[in-house]
Amino acid sequence: MASTFFTWLRSPAAREYFFSTHFWGPVANWGLPLAAIADLSKDEEVISGTMTTALACYSMVFMRFAWRVQPRNYLLFACHATNAAAQSVQDARFVKYWYFGGREEKYGLTDNSTNKPVTEAIEAAKQESNKVSTAK
């Protein structure tokens, strides 16, 4: 198997492949999934739900393109599959944080009695802000 690969590697077909857009396009495109994977460790506060959803949909569409184009571009398919998975995880983190109580959990705004002082301080700050804005 390895000898067959190395024989192919020395052939004109290999040179043609490595100097084509079927190789360099996906290699350049790997920046998207690598950035998405790096962003998985960042705070949920900075996730853009709109952009993450757009990138996930974009990758799903181009996964189909990479599969349907002849010859099939497996490198591009793998790139977009990785990006679609990473963006979907980011989308799930975004939705949990903003819509399913992740933010409240993070800042201690749950109904636990141990977090009561934090909740009271935030409510007091909101009331003070409303007083200032209505006084103008």
Protein backbone atom coordinates (compact mmCIF):
# COMPACT_ATOMS: atom_id res chain seq x y z
CA MET A 1 0.00 0.00 0.00
CA ALA A 2 2.73 2.47 0.95
CA SER A 3 4.79 1.64 -2.13
CA THR A 4 1.74 2.28 -4.34
CA PHE A 5 1.24 5.66 -2.69
CA PHE A 6 4.89 6.64 -3.14
CA THR A 7 4.79 5.53 -6.78
CA TRP A 8 1.73 7.71 -7.30
CA LEU A 9 3.42 10.57 -5.44
CA ARG A 10 6.23 10.60 -8.02
CA SER A 11 3.82 10.50 -10.98
CA PRO A 12 2.64 13.43 -13.13
CA ALA A 13 -0.89 12.88 -11.81
CA ALA A 14 0.30 13.71 -8.29
CA ARG A 15 2.02 16.88 -9.47
CA GLU A 16 -1.14 17.83 -11.33
CA TYR A 17 -3.20 17.29 -8.16
CA PHE A 18 -0.87 19.19 -5.83
CA PHE A 19 -0.71 22.16 -8.19
CA SER A 20 -4.50 22.36 -8.64
CA THR A 21 -7.33 24.10 -6.83
CA HIS A 22 -8.62 20.67 -5.76
CA PHE A 23 -5.73 20.63 -3.28
CA TRP A 24 -4.91 24.26 -2.44
CA GLY A 25 -8.53 25.44 -2.14
CA PRO A 26 -9.33 23.04 0.72
CA VAL A 27 -5.93 23.60 2.34
CA ALA A 28 -6.61 27.34 2.46
CA ASN A 29 -10.18 26.69 3.60
CA TRP A 30 -8.99 24.73 6.67
CA GLY A 31 -8.56 28.09 8.41
CA LEU A 32 -12.32 28.19 9.08
CA PRO A 33 -12.64 24.90 11.02
CA LEU A 34 -9.34 25.47 12.83
CA ALA A 35 -10.57 28.88 14.00
CA ALA A 36 -13.93 27.36 15.03
CA ILE A 37 -12.18 24.65 17.02
CA ALA A 38 -9.97 27.26 18.70
CA ASP A 39 -13.09 29.30 19.57
CA LEU A 40 -14.65 26.38 21.43
CA SER A 41 -12.64 27.37 24.50
CA LYS A 42 -13.67 31.04 24.39
CA ASP A 43 -16.44 32.63 26.44
CA GLU A 44 -20.00 32.22 25.16
CA GLU A 45 -20.53 35.97 25.48
CA VAL A 46 -18.50 36.59 22.29
CA ILE A 47 -20.24 34.01 20.07
CA SER A 48 -22.23 35.55 17.23
CA GLY A 49 -25.30 33.40 16.75
CA THR A 50 -26.02 34.81 13.30
CA MET A 51 -22.50 34.30 11.96
CA THR A 52 -22.13 30.86 13.51
CA THR A 53 -25.39 29.70 11.96
CA ALA A 54 -24.40 31.15 8.59
CA LEU A 55 -21.03 29.36 8.68
CA ALA A 56 -22.67 26.07 9.67
CA CYS A 57 -25.14 26.33 6.77
CA TYR A 58 -22.37 27.38 4.37
CA SER A 59 -20.32 24.33 5.30
CA MET A 60 -23.29 22.00 4.95
CA VAL A 61 -24.01 23.32 1.45
CA PHE A 62 -20.39 23.00 0.37
CA MET A 63 -20.10 19.51 1.85
CA ARG A 64 -22.66 18.49 -0.76
CA PHE A 65 -20.73 20.36 -3.46
CA ALA A 66 -17.47 18.62 -2.52
CA TRP A 67 -19.26 15.28 -2.72
CA ARG A 68 -20.99 15.97 -6.04
CA VAL A 69 -18.08 17.53 -7.96
CA GLN A 70 -16.12 15.17 -10.22
CA PRO A 71 -13.63 14.00 -9.19
CA ARG A 72 -14.86 13.98 -5.60
CA ASN A 73 -12.90 16.34 -3.40
CA TYR A 74 -12.50 14.42 -0.15
CA LEU A 75 -10.16 17.03 1.33
CA LEU A 76 -12.78 19.77 0.84
CA PHE A 77 -15.51 17.48 2.15
CA ALA A 78 -13.50 16.75 5.33
CA CYS A 79 -12.81 20.45 5.80
CA HIS A 80 -16.48 21.40 5.58
CA ALA A 81 -17.62 18.42 7.69
CA THR A 82 -15.22 19.52 10.43
CA ASN A 83 -16.38 23.12 10.17
CA ALA A 84 -20.07 22.16 10.20
CA ALA A 85 -19.52 20.08 13.34
CA ALA A 86 -17.53 22.80 15.11
CA GLN A 87 -20.02 25.53 14.17
CA SER A 88 -22.93 23.36 15.31
CA VAL A 89 -21.27 22.93 18.71
CA GLN A 90 -20.76 26.70 18.85
CA ASP A 91 -24.43 27.23 17.97
CA ALA A 92 -25.46 24.86 20.76
CA ARG A 93 -23.25 26.75 23.22
CA PHE A 94 -24.78 30.07 22.06
CA VAL A 95 -28.36 28.85 22.44
CA LYS A 96 -27.69 27.31 25.87
CA TYR A 97 -25.98 30.48 27.10
CA TRP A 98 -28.53 33.01 25.87
CA TYR A 99 -31.81 31.06 25.91
CA PHE A 100 -31.55 28.12 28.33
CA GLY A 101 -30.11 29.64 31.48
CA GLY A 102 -26.37 29.38 30.84
CA ARG A 103 -25.85 33.08 31.43
CA GLU A 104 -27.76 33.04 34.68
CA GLU A 105 -25.78 30.01 35.80
CA LYS A 106 -22.51 31.73 35.00
CA TYR A 107 -23.37 34.91 36.90
CA GLY A 108 -25.08 33.17 39.79
CA LEU A 109 -28.58 34.39 39.01
CA THR A 110 -30.32 31.12 39.76
CA ASP A 111 -32.89 30.77 42.54
CA ASN A 112 -30.43 29.15 44.96
CA SER A 113 -30.34 30.86 48.33
CA THR A 114 -26.52 31.01 48.22
CA ASN A 115 -26.66 33.34 45.19
CA LYS A 116 -29.21 35.77 46.67
CA PRO A 117 -26.74 38.64 47.34
CA VAL A 118 -25.64 38.67 43.69
CA THR A 119 -29.23 38.81 42.45
CA GLU A 120 -30.09 41.57 44.90
CA ALA A 121 -27.06 43.62 43.85
CA ILE A 122 -28.00 43.34 40.18
CA GLU A 123 -31.60 44.29 40.86
CA ALA A 124 -30.45 47.29 42.93
CA ALA A 125 -28.19 48.41 40.08
CA LYS A 126 -31.07 48.11 37.61
CA GLN A 127 -33.33 50.21 39.86
CA GLU A 128 -30.62 52.85 40.28
CA SER A 129 -30.14 52.93 36.49
CA ASN A 130 -33.89 53.40 35.98
CA LYS A 131 -33.93 56.28 38.53
CA VAL A 132 -31.09 58.02 36.73
CA SER A 133 -32.68 57.61 33.28
CA THR A 134 -36.11 58.84 34.43
CA ALA A 135 -34.59 61.84 36.26
CA LYS A 136 -33.33 63.30 32.97
